[in-house]
C-alpha atoms as a PDB file:
ATOM      1  CA  MET A   1     -46.268 -37.262  41.525  1.00  0.00           C
ATOM      2  CA  ALA A   2     -44.021 -34.640  41.747  1.00  0.00           C
ATOM      3  CA  THR A   3     -45.267 -30.858  40.882  1.00  0.00           C
ATOM      4  CA  LEU A   4     -44.680 -30.120  37.324  1.00  0.00           C
ATOM      5  CA  PHE A   5     -43.415 -26.300  37.216  1.00  0.00           C
ATOM      6  CA  ASN A   6     -42.601 -25.037  33.701  1.00  0.00           C
ATOM      7  CA  PHE A   7     -40.223 -23.192  32.856  1.00  0.00           C
ATOM      8  CA  MET A   8     -40.376 -23.748  29.212  1.00  0.00           C
ATOM      9  CA  SER A   9     -41.273 -20.654  27.781  1.00  0.00           C
ATOM     10  CA  ASP A  10     -43.003 -17.396  29.037  1.00  0.00           C
ATOM     11  CA  ASN A  11     -45.611 -18.715  26.240  1.00  0.00           C
ATOM     12  CA  ALA A  12     -46.653 -21.078  28.213  1.00  0.00           C
ATOM     13  CA  ALA A  13     -48.269 -17.953  31.327  1.00  0.00           C
ATOM     14  CA  ALA A  14     -51.161 -17.025  31.146  1.00  0.00           C
ATOM     15  CA  PRO A  15     -53.050 -13.898  29.789  1.00  0.00           C
ATOM     16  CA  CYS A  16     -53.218 -11.282  32.788  1.00  0.00           C
ATOM     17  CA  PRO A  17     -56.276 -10.529  34.630  1.00  0.00           C
ATOM     18  CA  GLU A  18     -56.265  -6.654  33.555  1.00  0.00           C
ATOM     19  CA  VAL A  19     -56.271  -9.115  30.060  1.00  0.00           C
ATOM     20  CA  LEU A  20     -58.893 -10.454  30.098  1.00  0.00           C
ATOM     21  CA  ALA A  21     -61.657  -8.368  31.601  1.00  0.00           C
ATOM     22  CA  ALA A  22     -61.030  -5.884  29.302  1.00  0.00           C
ATOM     23  CA  ILE A  23     -61.516  -8.565  26.528  1.00  0.00           C
ATOM     24  CA  THR A  24     -64.894  -9.104  28.206  1.00  0.00           C
ATOM     25  CA  ALA A  25     -65.665  -5.030  29.188  1.00  0.00           C
ATOM     26  CA  ALA A  26     -65.164  -4.863  25.092  1.00  0.00           C
ATOM     27  CA  ALA A  27     -67.559  -8.257  24.436  1.00  0.00           C
ATOM     28  CA  PRO A  28     -70.764  -6.137  25.125  1.00  0.00           C
ATOM     29  CA  ALA A  29     -69.794  -3.481  23.084  1.00  0.00           C
ATOM     30  CA  GLN A  30     -71.977  -3.509  19.224  1.00  0.00           C
ATOM     31  CA  ALA A  31     -68.609  -2.025  17.422  1.00  0.00           C
ATOM     32  CA  ALA A  32     -67.936  -1.129  13.899  1.00  0.00           C
ATOM     33  CA  GLY A  33     -65.099  -3.229  12.005  1.00  0.00           C
ATOM     34  CA  TYR A  34     -61.671  -3.169  10.862  1.00  0.00           C
ATOM     35  CA  ASP A  35     -60.014  -0.811  13.101  1.00  0.00           C
ATOM     36  CA  GLY A  36     -63.252   1.755  13.320  1.00  0.00           C
ATOM     37  CA  ASP A  37     -64.175   1.179  16.974  1.00  0.00           C
ATOM     38  CA  ASP A  38     -63.349   3.357  19.641  1.00  0.00           C
ATOM     39  CA  TRP A  39     -60.515   0.954  21.384  1.00  0.00           C
ATOM     40  CA  SER A  40     -58.604   0.485  17.632  1.00  0.00           C
ATOM     41  CA  ARG A  41     -58.450   4.327  17.652  1.00  0.00           C
ATOM     42  CA  GLN A  42     -56.554   4.870  20.785  1.00  0.00           C
ATOM     43  CA  LEU A  43     -53.912   3.003  19.432  1.00  0.00           C
ATOM     44  CA  ASP A  44     -51.858   5.343  17.281  1.00  0.00           C
ATOM     45  CA  ALA A  45     -51.722   7.948  20.808  1.00  0.00           C
ATOM     46  CA  LEU A  46     -51.595   5.646  23.586  1.00  0.00           C
ATOM     47  CA  PHE A  47     -47.751   4.639  21.451  1.00  0.00           C
ATOM     48  CA  GLY A  48     -46.883   8.810  20.762  1.00  0.00           C
ATOM     49  CA  THR A  49     -46.736   9.012  24.468  1.00  0.00           C
ATOM     50  CA  LEU A  50     -45.259   5.635  25.349  1.00  0.00           C
ATOM     51  CA  CYS A  51     -42.457   5.969  22.399  1.00  0.00           C
ATOM     52  CA  GLY A  52     -42.110  10.138  22.843  1.00  0.00           C
ATOM     53  CA  ARG A  53     -43.050  10.524  18.679  1.00  0.00           C
ATOM     54  CA  PRO A  54     -46.120  10.032  16.023  1.00  0.00           C
ATOM     55  CA  CYS A  55     -46.485   6.483  15.309  1.00  0.00           C
ATOM     56  CA  ALA A  56     -48.891   4.000  13.640  1.00  0.00           C
ATOM     57  CA  VAL A  57     -50.047   1.284  15.719  1.00  0.00           C
ATOM     58  CA  LEU A  58     -51.529  -2.164  14.370  1.00  0.00           C
ATOM     59  CA  PRO A  59     -52.445  -5.125  16.677  1.00  0.00           C
ATOM     60  CA  VAL A  60     -51.669  -8.472  14.801  1.00  0.00           C
ATOM     61  CA  SER A  61     -52.054 -12.404  16.521  1.00  0.00           C
ATOM     62  CA  THR A  62     -48.233 -13.295  16.814  1.00  0.00           C
ATOM     63  CA  GLY A  63     -44.686 -12.028  16.995  1.00  0.00           C
ATOM     64  CA  THR A  64     -44.000 -13.628  13.490  1.00  0.00           C
ATOM     65  CA  ALA A  65     -46.741 -11.706  11.604  1.00  0.00           C
ATOM     66  CA  ALA A  66     -45.101  -8.663  13.475  1.00  0.00           C
ATOM     67  CA  ASN A  67     -41.645  -9.213  12.729  1.00  0.00           C
ATOM     68  CA  ALA A  68     -42.653 -10.464   9.334  1.00  0.00           C
ATOM     69  CA  LEU A  69     -44.849  -7.198   8.299  1.00  0.00           C
ATOM     70  CA  ALA A  70     -42.915  -5.023   9.739  1.00  0.00           C
ATOM     71  CA  LEU A  71     -39.981  -5.900   7.550  1.00  0.00           C
ATOM     72  CA  ALA A  72     -42.574  -6.625   4.516  1.00  0.00           C
ATOM     73  CA  THR A  73     -43.453  -2.403   4.211  1.00  0.00           C
ATOM     74  CA  LEU A  74     -39.478  -1.961   5.361  1.00  0.00           C
ATOM     75  CA  VAL A  75     -37.591  -4.389   2.743  1.00  0.00           C
ATOM     76  CA  PRO A  76     -38.170  -4.629  -1.094  1.00  0.00           C
ATOM     77  CA  PRO A  77     -38.335  -7.674  -2.664  1.00  0.00           C
ATOM     78  CA  TRP A  78     -34.290  -7.467  -3.435  1.00  0.00           C
ATOM     79  CA  GLY A  79     -33.605  -6.346  -0.665  1.00  0.00           C
ATOM     80  CA  ALA A  80     -31.600  -7.854   2.104  1.00  0.00           C
ATOM     81  CA  ILE A  81     -32.000  -7.838   6.515  1.00  0.00           C
ATOM     82  CA  ALA A  82     -28.966  -7.798   8.115  1.00  0.00           C
ATOM     83  CA  CYS A  83     -29.923 -10.129  11.972  1.00  0.00           C
ATOM     84  CA  HIS A  84     -27.524 -11.655  14.095  1.00  0.00           C
ATOM     85  CA  SER A  85     -27.070 -15.424  13.394  1.00  0.00           C
ATOM     86  CA  GLU A  86     -29.493 -15.886  16.042  1.00  0.00           C
ATOM     87  CA  ALA A  87     -32.170 -14.003  16.212  1.00  0.00           C
ATOM     88  CA  HIS A  88     -35.517 -14.850  15.921  1.00  0.00           C
ATOM     89  CA  VAL A  89     -36.500 -13.843  12.509  1.00  0.00           C
ATOM     90  CA  GLN A  90     -33.946 -16.316  11.258  1.00  0.00           C
ATOM     91  CA  VAL A  91     -34.042 -19.618  13.340  1.00  0.00           C
ATOM     92  CA  ASP A  92     -37.809 -19.604  14.637  1.00  0.00           C
ATOM     93  CA  GLU A  93     -40.023 -18.051  11.677  1.00  0.00           C
ATOM     94  CA  CYS A  94     -40.015 -20.632   8.928  1.00  0.00           C
ATOM     95  CA  GLY A  95     -39.487 -17.995   6.521  1.00  0.00           C
ATOM     96  CA  ALA A  96     -41.833 -16.169   7.331  1.00  0.00           C
ATOM     97  CA  PRO A  97     -39.982 -12.755   6.746  1.00  0.00           C
ATOM     98  CA  GLU A  98     -38.937 -13.652   3.147  1.00  0.00           C
ATOM     99  CA  PHE A  99     -42.406 -15.311   2.273  1.00  0.00           C
ATOM    100  CA  PHE A 100     -43.904 -11.335   3.568  1.00  0.00           C
ATOM    101  CA  THR A 101     -41.179  -9.429   1.511  1.00  0.00           C
ATOM    102  CA  GLY A 102     -41.603 -11.616  -1.526  1.00  0.00           C
ATOM    103  CA  GLY A 103     -37.791 -12.428  -1.028  1.00  0.00           C
ATOM    104  CA  ALA A 104     -35.618 -10.216   0.639  1.00  0.00           C
ATOM    105  CA  LYS A 105     -32.233 -12.672   2.373  1.00  0.00           C
ATOM    106  CA  LEU A 106     -31.620 -11.872   5.570  1.00  0.00           C
ATOM    107  CA  LEU A 107     -27.914 -12.038   6.328  1.00  0.00           C
ATOM    108  CA  LEU A 108     -26.744 -13.775   9.254  1.00  0.00           C
ATOM    109  CA  CYS A 109     -24.445 -11.486  11.314  1.00  0.00           C
ATOM    110  CA  PRO A 110     -22.414 -13.031  14.804  1.00  0.00           C
ATOM    111  CA  GLY A 111     -22.123 -11.835  18.009  1.00  0.00           C
ATOM    112  CA  GLY A 112     -21.497 -12.280  21.450  1.00  0.00           C
ATOM    113  CA  ASP A 113     -24.001 -12.699  24.101  1.00  0.00           C
ATOM    114  CA  GLY A 114     -26.456 -12.503  20.867  1.00  0.00           C
ATOM    115  CA  LYS A 115     -26.140  -9.213  20.269  1.00  0.00           C
ATOM    116  CA  LEU A 116     -24.679  -6.988  16.781  1.00  0.00           C
ATOM    117  CA  THR A 117     -22.290  -4.637  16.832  1.00  0.00           C
ATOM    118  CA  SER A 118     -21.061  -1.994  13.672  1.00  0.00           C
ATOM    119  CA  ALA A 119     -18.091  -3.530  13.936  1.00  0.00           C
ATOM    120  CA  GLY A 120     -18.981  -7.063  13.960  1.00  0.00           C
ATOM    121  CA  LEU A 121     -22.111  -5.934  10.932  1.00  0.00           C
ATOM    122  CA  ASP A 122     -19.289  -4.343   8.723  1.00  0.00           C
ATOM    123  CA  ALA A 123     -17.224  -7.027   9.242  1.00  0.00           C
ATOM    124  CA  ALA A 124     -19.693 -10.177   8.661  1.00  0.00           C
ATOM    125  CA  LEU A 125     -20.414  -8.023   5.371  1.00  0.00           C
ATOM    126  CA  ALA A 126     -17.462  -6.909   4.451  1.00  0.00           C
ATOM    127  CA  SER A 127     -17.344  -9.897   0.686  1.00  0.00           C
ATOM    128  CA  HIS A 128     -21.476  -8.187   0.405  1.00  0.00           C
ATOM    129  CA  ARG A 129     -20.943  -6.390  -2.997  1.00  0.00           C
ATOM    130  CA  GLY A 130     -24.254  -4.409  -3.160  1.00  0.00           C
ATOM    131  CA  ASP A 131     -24.272  -4.552  -7.689  1.00  0.00           C
ATOM    132  CA  VAL A 132     -27.138  -5.233  -9.344  1.00  0.00           C
ATOM    133  CA  HIS A 133     -26.299  -9.320  -9.152  1.00  0.00           C
ATOM    134  CA  GLN A 134     -27.014  -9.458  -5.227  1.00  0.00           C
ATOM    135  CA  VAL A 135     -29.539  -8.582  -3.287  1.00  0.00           C
ATOM    136  CA  GLN A 136     -29.525  -4.514  -1.786  1.00  0.00           C
ATOM    137  CA  MET A 137     -29.657  -3.702   2.229  1.00  0.00           C
ATOM    138  CA  ALA A 138     -32.254  -1.572   3.124  1.00  0.00           C
ATOM    139  CA  ALA A 139     -32.953  -2.795   6.592  1.00  0.00           C
ATOM    140  CA  LEU A 140     -30.844  -3.952  10.301  1.00  0.00           C
ATOM    141  CA  THR A 141     -33.530  -5.365  12.459  1.00  0.00           C
ATOM    142  CA  LEU A 142     -32.416  -6.227  16.232  1.00  0.00           C
ATOM    143  CA  THR A 143     -33.510  -8.218  18.736  1.00  0.00           C
ATOM    144  CA  GLN A 144     -34.276  -6.688  22.045  1.00  0.00           C
ATOM    145  CA  ALA A 145     -34.395  -8.087  24.131  1.00  0.00           C
ATOM    146  CA  THR A 146     -31.811 -10.943  22.172  1.00  0.00           C
ATOM    147  CA  GLU A 147     -32.494 -14.225  21.926  1.00  0.00           C
ATOM    148  CA  CYS A 148     -29.241 -14.708  24.817  1.00  0.00           C
ATOM    149  CA  GLY A 149     -31.718 -13.144  27.313  1.00  0.00           C
ATOM    150  CA  THR A 150     -29.480 -10.243  27.209  1.00  0.00           C
ATOM    151  CA  VAL A 151     -30.545  -6.308  26.332  1.00  0.00           C
ATOM    152  CA  TYR A 152     -28.600  -3.489  24.436  1.00  0.00           C
ATOM    153  CA  THR A 153     -28.437  -0.591  26.245  1.00  0.00           C
ATOM    154  CA  PRO A 154     -30.005   2.570  24.740  1.00  0.00           C
ATOM    155  CA  ALA A 155     -26.770   3.720  23.534  1.00  0.00           C
ATOM    156  CA  GLU A 156     -26.185   0.786  21.696  1.00  0.00           C
ATOM    157  CA  VAL A 157     -29.034   1.007  20.347  1.00  0.00           C
ATOM    158  CA  ALA A 158     -28.348   4.720  19.238  1.00  0.00           C
ATOM    159  CA  ALA A 159     -24.957   3.488  17.885  1.00  0.00           C
ATOM    160  CA  LEU A 160     -26.808   0.757  15.876  1.00  0.00           C
ATOM    161  CA  ALA A 161     -28.803   3.100  14.013  1.00  0.00           C
ATOM    162  CA  ALA A 162     -26.823   5.450  13.348  1.00  0.00           C
ATOM    163  CA  HIS A 163     -24.680   3.122  11.933  1.00  0.00           C
ATOM    164  CA  ALA A 164     -27.436   2.203   9.646  1.00  0.00           C
ATOM    165  CA  ARG A 165     -28.866   4.633   9.460  1.00  0.00           C
ATOM    166  CA  ALA A 166     -25.443   6.811   7.336  1.00  0.00           C
ATOM    167  CA  LYS A 167     -25.456   2.832   5.037  1.00  0.00           C
ATOM    168  CA  GLY A 168     -28.876   4.389   4.105  1.00  0.00           C
ATOM    169  CA  TRP A 169     -30.719   1.132   5.699  1.00  0.00           C
ATOM    170  CA  ARG A 170     -33.947   0.727   7.212  1.00  0.00           C
ATOM    171  CA  LEU A 171     -34.432  -0.285  11.084  1.00  0.00           C
ATOM    172  CA  HIS A 172     -36.721  -2.169  12.994  1.00  0.00           C
ATOM    173  CA  MET A 173     -36.438  -3.888  16.158  1.00  0.00           C
ATOM    174  CA  ASP A 174     -37.986  -7.481  17.556  1.00  0.00           C
ATOM    175  CA  GLY A 175     -39.645  -5.958  20.896  1.00  0.00           C
ATOM    176  CA  ALA A 176     -40.814 -10.093  21.527  1.00  0.00           C
ATOM    177  CA  ARG A 177     -39.205  -8.797  24.881  1.00  0.00           C
ATOM    178  CA  PHE A 178     -39.442  -5.341  24.734  1.00  0.00           C
ATOM    179  CA  ALA A 179     -41.089  -5.125  28.408  1.00  0.00           C
ATOM    180  CA  ASN A 180     -37.682  -6.812  29.487  1.00  0.00           C
ATOM    181  CA  ALA A 181     -35.541  -5.477  28.396  1.00  0.00           C
ATOM    182  CA  VAL A 182     -36.965  -1.476  29.612  1.00  0.00           C
ATOM    183  CA  ALA A 183     -37.880  -2.943  33.083  1.00  0.00           C
ATOM    184  CA  HIS A 184     -34.361  -4.407  33.633  1.00  0.00           C
ATOM    185  CA  LEU A 185     -32.567  -0.727  31.920  1.00  0.00           C
ATOM    186  CA  GLY A 186     -34.870   1.514  34.295  1.00  0.00           C
ATOM    187  CA  CYS A 187     -35.204   3.559  31.042  1.00  0.00           C
ATOM    188  CA  ALA A 188     -37.767   5.222  29.247  1.00  0.00           C
ATOM    189  CA  PRO A 189     -39.524   3.135  26.545  1.00  0.00           C
ATOM    190  CA  ALA A 190     -38.349   6.676  24.042  1.00  0.00           C
ATOM    191  CA  SER A 191     -34.692   6.219  24.395  1.00  0.00           C
ATOM    192  CA  LEU A 192     -35.026   2.809  22.985  1.00  0.00           C
ATOM    193  CA  THR A 193     -37.402   3.187  20.249  1.00  0.00           C
ATOM    194  CA  ALA A 194     -35.695   6.971  19.255  1.00  0.00           C
ATOM    195  CA  ASP A 195     -34.269   5.761  15.990  1.00  0.00           C
ATOM    196  CA  LEU A 196     -36.051   2.772  15.006  1.00  0.00           C
ATOM    197  CA  ASP A 197     -38.579   2.956  11.623  1.00  0.00           C
ATOM    198  CA  ALA A 198     -40.364   0.192  13.581  1.00  0.00           C
ATOM    199  CA  LEU A 199     -41.172  -1.527  16.276  1.00  0.00           C
ATOM    200  CA  SER A 200     -42.882  -5.467  16.534  1.00  0.00           C
ATOM    201  CA  PHE A 201     -44.333  -4.694  20.880  1.00  0.00           C
ATOM    202  CA  GLY A 202     -44.555  -7.785  23.004  1.00  0.00           C
ATOM    203  CA  CYS A 203     -47.731  -8.727  24.544  1.00  0.00           C
ATOM    204  CA  ILE A 204     -48.562 -12.078  24.682  1.00  0.00           C
ATOM    205  CA  LYS A 205     -45.283 -13.514  26.372  1.00  0.00           C
ATOM    206  CA  ASN A 206     -45.297 -11.606  29.054  1.00  0.00           C
ATOM    207  CA  GLY A 207     -49.263 -11.805  29.957  1.00  0.00           C
ATOM    208  CA  GLY A 208     -51.603 -11.324  27.215  1.00  0.00           C
ATOM    209  CA  LEU A 209     -54.381 -13.300  24.764  1.00  0.00           C
ATOM    210  CA  GLY A 210     -53.554 -13.190  21.329  1.00  0.00           C
ATOM    211  CA  ALA A 211     -52.099  -9.720  20.229  1.00  0.00           C
ATOM    212  CA  GLU A 212     -49.381  -8.306  19.259  1.00  0.00           C
ATOM    213  CA  ALA A 213     -48.486  -4.590  18.421  1.00  0.00           C
ATOM    214  CA  ILE A 214     -46.675  -3.088  15.170  1.00  0.00           C
ATOM    215  CA  VAL A 215     -45.417  -0.412  16.033  1.00  0.00           C
ATOM    216  CA  LEU A 216     -44.812   2.258  12.457  1.00  0.00           C
ATOM    217  CA  PHE A 217     -42.518   5.276  12.905  1.00  0.00           C
ATOM    218  CA  ASP A 218     -42.069   6.338   9.579  1.00  0.00           C
ATOM    219  CA  LEU A 219     -45.979   7.724   8.771  1.00  0.00           C
ATOM    220  CA  ALA A 220     -45.477   7.697   5.292  1.00  0.00           C
ATOM    221  CA  LEU A 221     -45.162   3.291   4.995  1.00  0.00           C
ATOM    222  CA  ALA A 222     -48.821   3.853   7.092  1.00  0.00           C
ATOM    223  CA  ASP A 223     -51.321   2.853   4.293  1.00  0.00           C
ATOM    224  CA  GLN A 224     -48.856   0.378   3.091  1.00  0.00           C
ATOM    225  CA  LEU A 225     -48.396  -1.900   6.410  1.00  0.00           C
ATOM    226  CA  ARG A 226     -52.385  -1.184   6.113  1.00  0.00           C
ATOM    227  CA  TRP A 227     -53.148  -3.556   2.876  1.00  0.00           C
ATOM    228  CA  ARG A 228     -49.783  -5.971   4.148  1.00  0.00           C
ATOM    229  CA  ARG A 229     -51.767  -6.577   6.818  1.00  0.00           C
ATOM    230  CA  LYS A 230     -55.208  -7.229   5.114  1.00  0.00           C
ATOM    231  CA  ARG A 231     -53.714  -9.310   2.581  1.00  0.00           C
ATOM    232  CA  ALA A 232     -51.948 -11.354   5.227  1.00  0.00           C
ATOM    233  CA  GLY A 233     -55.375 -12.258   6.668  1.00  0.00           C
ATOM    234  CA  GLN A 234     -54.044 -10.202  10.940  1.00  0.00           C
ATOM    235  CA  MET A 235     -56.746  -7.913  10.291  1.00  0.00           C
ATOM    236  CA  PRO A 236     -59.685  -9.254  12.043  1.00  0.00           C
ATOM    237  CA  SER A 237     -63.323  -8.029  11.499  1.00  0.00           C
ATOM    238  CA  LYS A 238     -63.217  -7.214  15.220  1.00  0.00           C
ATOM    239  CA  GLY A 239     -60.064  -5.789  16.041  1.00  0.00           C
ATOM    240  CA  ARG A 240     -61.572  -4.320  18.929  1.00  0.00           C
ATOM    241  CA  PHE A 241     -60.304  -7.228  21.043  1.00  0.00           C
ATOM    242  CA  ASN A 242     -56.881  -7.054  19.874  1.00  0.00           C
ATOM    243  CA  ALA A 243     -56.618  -4.187  21.015  1.00  0.00           C
ATOM    244  CA  ALA A 244     -58.861  -3.809  23.507  1.00  0.00           C
ATOM    245  CA  GLN A 245     -55.817  -6.496  24.995  1.00  0.00           C
ATOM    246  CA  ILE A 246     -53.144  -3.819  23.913  1.00  0.00           C
ATOM    247  CA  ILE A 247     -54.221  -1.219  25.959  1.00  0.00           C
ATOM    248  CA  ALA A 248     -55.194  -2.853  28.920  1.00  0.00           C
ATOM    249  CA  MET A 249     -51.505  -4.088  29.055  1.00  0.00           C
ATOM    250  CA  VAL A 250     -49.995  -0.564  28.411  1.00  0.00           C
ATOM    251  CA  GLU A 251     -52.366   1.884  30.770  1.00  0.00           C
ATOM    252  CA  ASP A 252     -50.986   1.570  34.430  1.00  0.00           C
ATOM    253  CA  ASP A 253     -48.130   0.157  33.137  1.00  0.00           C
ATOM    254  CA  VAL A 254     -49.091  -3.532  33.203  1.00  0.00           C
ATOM    255  CA  TRP A 255     -46.857  -4.655  30.991  1.00  0.00           C
ATOM    256  CA  LEU A 256     -43.820  -3.275  33.482  1.00  0.00           C
ATOM    257  CA  ARG A 257     -44.817  -4.820  35.922  1.00  0.00           C
ATOM    258  CA  ASN A 258     -45.387  -7.473  34.768  1.00  0.00           C
ATOM    259  CA  ALA A 259     -42.069  -7.825  32.946  1.00  0.00           C
ATOM    260  CA  ARG A 260     -39.846  -6.885  36.555  1.00  0.00           C
ATOM    261  CA  THR A 261     -41.740 -10.035  38.140  1.00  0.00           C
ATOM    262  CA  ALA A 262     -40.134 -12.262  35.282  1.00  0.00           C
ATOM    263  CA  ASN A 263     -36.970 -10.631  35.793  1.00  0.00           C
ATOM    264  CA  ALA A 264     -37.159 -11.013  39.516  1.00  0.00           C
ATOM    265  CA  GLY A 265     -37.462 -14.570  38.751  1.00  0.00           C
ATOM    266  CA  ALA A 266     -35.111 -14.835  36.392  1.00  0.00           C
ATOM    267  CA  GLN A 267     -32.603 -13.122  38.611  1.00  0.00           C
ATOM    268  CA  ALA A 268     -33.235 -15.771  42.271  1.00  0.00           C
ATOM    269  CA  LEU A 269     -32.273 -19.005  39.585  1.00  0.00           C
ATOM    270  CA  ALA A 270     -29.406 -16.727  38.164  1.00  0.00           C
ATOM    271  CA  ARG A 271     -28.134 -15.984  41.772  1.00  0.00           C
ATOM    272  CA  ALA A 272     -28.732 -20.200  42.777  1.00  0.00           C
ATOM    273  CA  ALA A 273     -26.382 -20.994  39.519  1.00  0.00           C
ATOM    274  CA  ALA A 274     -23.335 -18.568  39.670  1.00  0.00           C
ATOM    275  CA  GLY A 275     -20.526 -19.672  38.055  1.00  0.00           C
ATOM    276  CA  ARG A 276     -22.531 -21.880  35.319  1.00  0.00           C
ATOM    277  CA  LEU A 277     -23.834 -19.415  33.733  1.00  0.00           C
ATOM    278  CA  MET A 278     -24.190 -18.956  30.076  1.00  0.00           C
ATOM    279  CA  TYR A 279     -24.712 -15.333  29.075  1.00  0.00           C
ATOM    280  CA  PRO A 280     -25.551 -12.696  31.328  1.00  0.00           C
ATOM    281  CA  VAL A 281     -28.720 -12.525  33.067  1.00  0.00           C
ATOM    282  CA  GLN A 282     -30.917  -9.393  32.249  1.00  0.00           C
ATOM    283  CA  ALA A 283     -34.148 -10.058  30.723  1.00  0.00           C
ATOM    284  CA  ASN A 284     -36.141 -12.898  32.415  1.00  0.00           C
ATOM    285  CA  GLU A 285     -34.574 -16.352  30.434  1.00  0.00           C
ATOM    286  CA  VAL A 286     -31.288 -18.615  32.157  1.00  0.00           C
ATOM    287  CA  PHE A 287     -29.127 -20.160  29.929  1.00  0.00           C
ATOM    288  CA  VAL A 288     -27.419 -22.541  32.550  1.00  0.00           C
ATOM    289  CA  GLN A 289     -24.508 -25.273  31.657  1.00  0.00           C
ATOM    290  CA  LEU A 290     -26.103 -27.913  33.963  1.00  0.00           C
ATOM    291  CA  ALA A 291     -23.385 -30.779  35.096  1.00  0.00           C
ATOM    292  CA  PRO A 292     -23.585 -34.807  32.840  1.00  0.00           C
ATOM    293  CA  GLY A 293     -27.062 -36.175  34.100  1.00  0.00           C
ATOM    294  CA  GLU A 294     -27.744 -33.493  36.050  1.00  0.00           C
ATOM    295  CA  PRO A 295     -31.148 -32.284  33.412  1.00  0.00           C
ATOM    296  CA  GLN A 296     -32.737 -35.480  33.997  1.00  0.00           C
ATOM    297  CA  ARG A 297     -33.134 -34.972  37.881  1.00  0.00           C
ATOM    298  CA  LEU A 298     -34.348 -31.192  37.440  1.00  0.00           C
ATOM    299  CA  ARG A 299     -36.972 -33.631  35.262  1.00  0.00           C
ATOM    300  CA  ASP A 300     -37.509 -35.599  38.033  1.00  0.00           C
ATOM    301  CA  ALA A 301     -38.273 -33.187  39.830  1.00  0.00           C
ATOM    302  CA  GLY A 302     -41.289 -31.857  37.916  1.00  0.00           C
ATOM    303  CA  PHE A 303     -39.197 -28.736  36.029  1.00  0.00           C
ATOM    304  CA  LEU A 304     -40.029 -28.651  32.466  1.00  0.00           C
ATOM    305  CA  PHE A 305     -37.203 -26.705  30.303  1.00  0.00           C
ATOM    306  CA  TYR A 306     -35.828 -27.016  27.335  1.00  0.00           C
ATOM    307  CA  ASP A 307     -32.502 -28.590  25.711  1.00  0.00           C
ATOM    308  CA  TRP A 308     -29.984 -26.165  25.026  1.00  0.00           C
ATOM    309  CA  GLY A 309     -26.694 -26.199  22.587  1.00  0.00           C
ATOM    310  CA  ASP A 310     -25.677 -28.473  20.427  1.00  0.00           C
ATOM    311  CA  ALA A 311     -27.088 -32.390  22.100  1.00  0.00           C
ATOM    312  CA  GLY A 312     -25.427 -34.170  25.386  1.00  0.00           C
ATOM    313  CA  SER A 313     -23.799 -30.807  25.414  1.00  0.00           C
ATOM    314  CA  ASN A 314     -25.670 -30.177  29.011  1.00  0.00           C
ATOM    315  CA  GLN A 315     -27.075 -26.677  28.672  1.00  0.00           C
ATOM    316  CA  ALA A 316     -30.484 -25.426  29.159  1.00  0.00           C
ATOM    317  CA  ARG A 317     -32.274 -22.976  29.069  1.00  0.00           C
ATOM    318  CA  LEU A 318     -34.134 -21.706  31.555  1.00  0.00           C
ATOM    319  CA  VAL A 319     -37.375 -18.560  31.599  1.00  0.00           C
ATOM    320  CA  VAL A 320     -39.306 -17.736  33.870  1.00  0.00           C
ATOM    321  CA  SER A 321     -42.865 -16.193  33.139  1.00  0.00           C
ATOM    322  CA  TRP A 322     -44.695 -13.453  35.374  1.00  0.00           C
ATOM    323  CA  ASP A 323     -46.812 -15.608  36.786  1.00  0.00           C
ATOM    324  CA  THR A 324     -44.228 -18.354  37.520  1.00  0.00           C
ATOM    325  CA  PRO A 325     -45.251 -19.471  41.032  1.00  0.00           C
ATOM    326  CA  ALA A 326     -43.052 -18.384  43.603  1.00  0.00           C
ATOM    327  CA  GLU A 327     -42.531 -21.980  45.235  1.00  0.00           C
ATOM    328  CA  GLY A 328     -41.440 -23.152  41.379  1.00  0.00           C
ATOM    329  CA  ILE A 329     -39.108 -20.629  41.373  1.00  0.00           C
ATOM    330  CA  GLU A 330     -37.457 -20.716  44.695  1.00  0.00           C
ATOM    331  CA  ALA A 331     -37.604 -24.904  44.228  1.00  0.00           C
ATOM    332  CA  LEU A 332     -35.820 -24.344  41.015  1.00  0.00           C
ATOM    333  CA  ALA A 333     -32.906 -22.576  42.879  1.00  0.00           C
ATOM    334  CA  ARG A 334     -32.353 -25.099  45.388  1.00  0.00           C
ATOM    335  CA  ALA A 335     -32.362 -27.331  43.248  1.00  0.00           C
ATOM    336  CA  LEU A 336     -29.233 -25.922  40.877  1.00  0.00           C
ATOM    337  CA  ALA A 337     -27.958 -24.432  43.776  1.00  0.00           C
ATOM    338  CA  ALA A 338     -27.538 -28.336  44.528  1.00  0.00           C
ATOM    339  CA  GLY A 339     -25.614 -29.159  41.201  1.00  0.00           C
END
């Protein structure tokens, strides 16, 4: 029987040793609950240094909660949020943004390689009147890295931020794979967060266990977010365990080390599939056009992955995690190169 190698999702990855050690270290402590512990109190300063500006940081247990609660804090129920038509908030969150905002609408905008542009936003929203009969545009959300595995550069984020600001919109970033984007760009995180109102900082896909961080840069909204988080059941009584995971990821750049490892594995697959790539490989996801019959041959050889695109298209998404075995990456690369 073939050895199974999982390239379905980085959600399948194990928690990294630093995260497990941090949880173990926090376990014996008698600590105040509900963000009153020493670990939770470190988060604002830690991310303030990372992002180069003051912020309020609230851990939650899922990326969906991070996105939905952040957007609910930024957008009223009669508001609208512009997003890419393939954005995770639209395709994979079961209406959570609409639910937690109390009814705000997602307005879908296309864009090549999973990315939005100012011109594309204007074209997609040209028919939106914004009068009392329609939802009011209130925010733009960007996915970094995108659902196509591509990355917004600092200049692209700045241009979209300026465009949003000129229209009076707030700006949110879904950073489930923010680490992979920063690792690819080799830039300071602050160059991507300078214009944001809120960031959903992903940990779970990158070696975390069960904690994500909402990083809120508009401090005037911090209390509102705290109340929303509690109301949503996302404020654990023993919050030190969530905070400890996040600290362990950010301290000593574990988050970047893990992301660089995953990105490097994706690059190895991209080289093997050269000429068949659907999008540029800039993070840890590889989208490839397979030949007829090739998906089943790969599965028979022990490789797990998601089919992509339309049924029967023979398109596949391959995701490399921080802990994907090197022998699995090498074996898949050989199989892809062989066609």
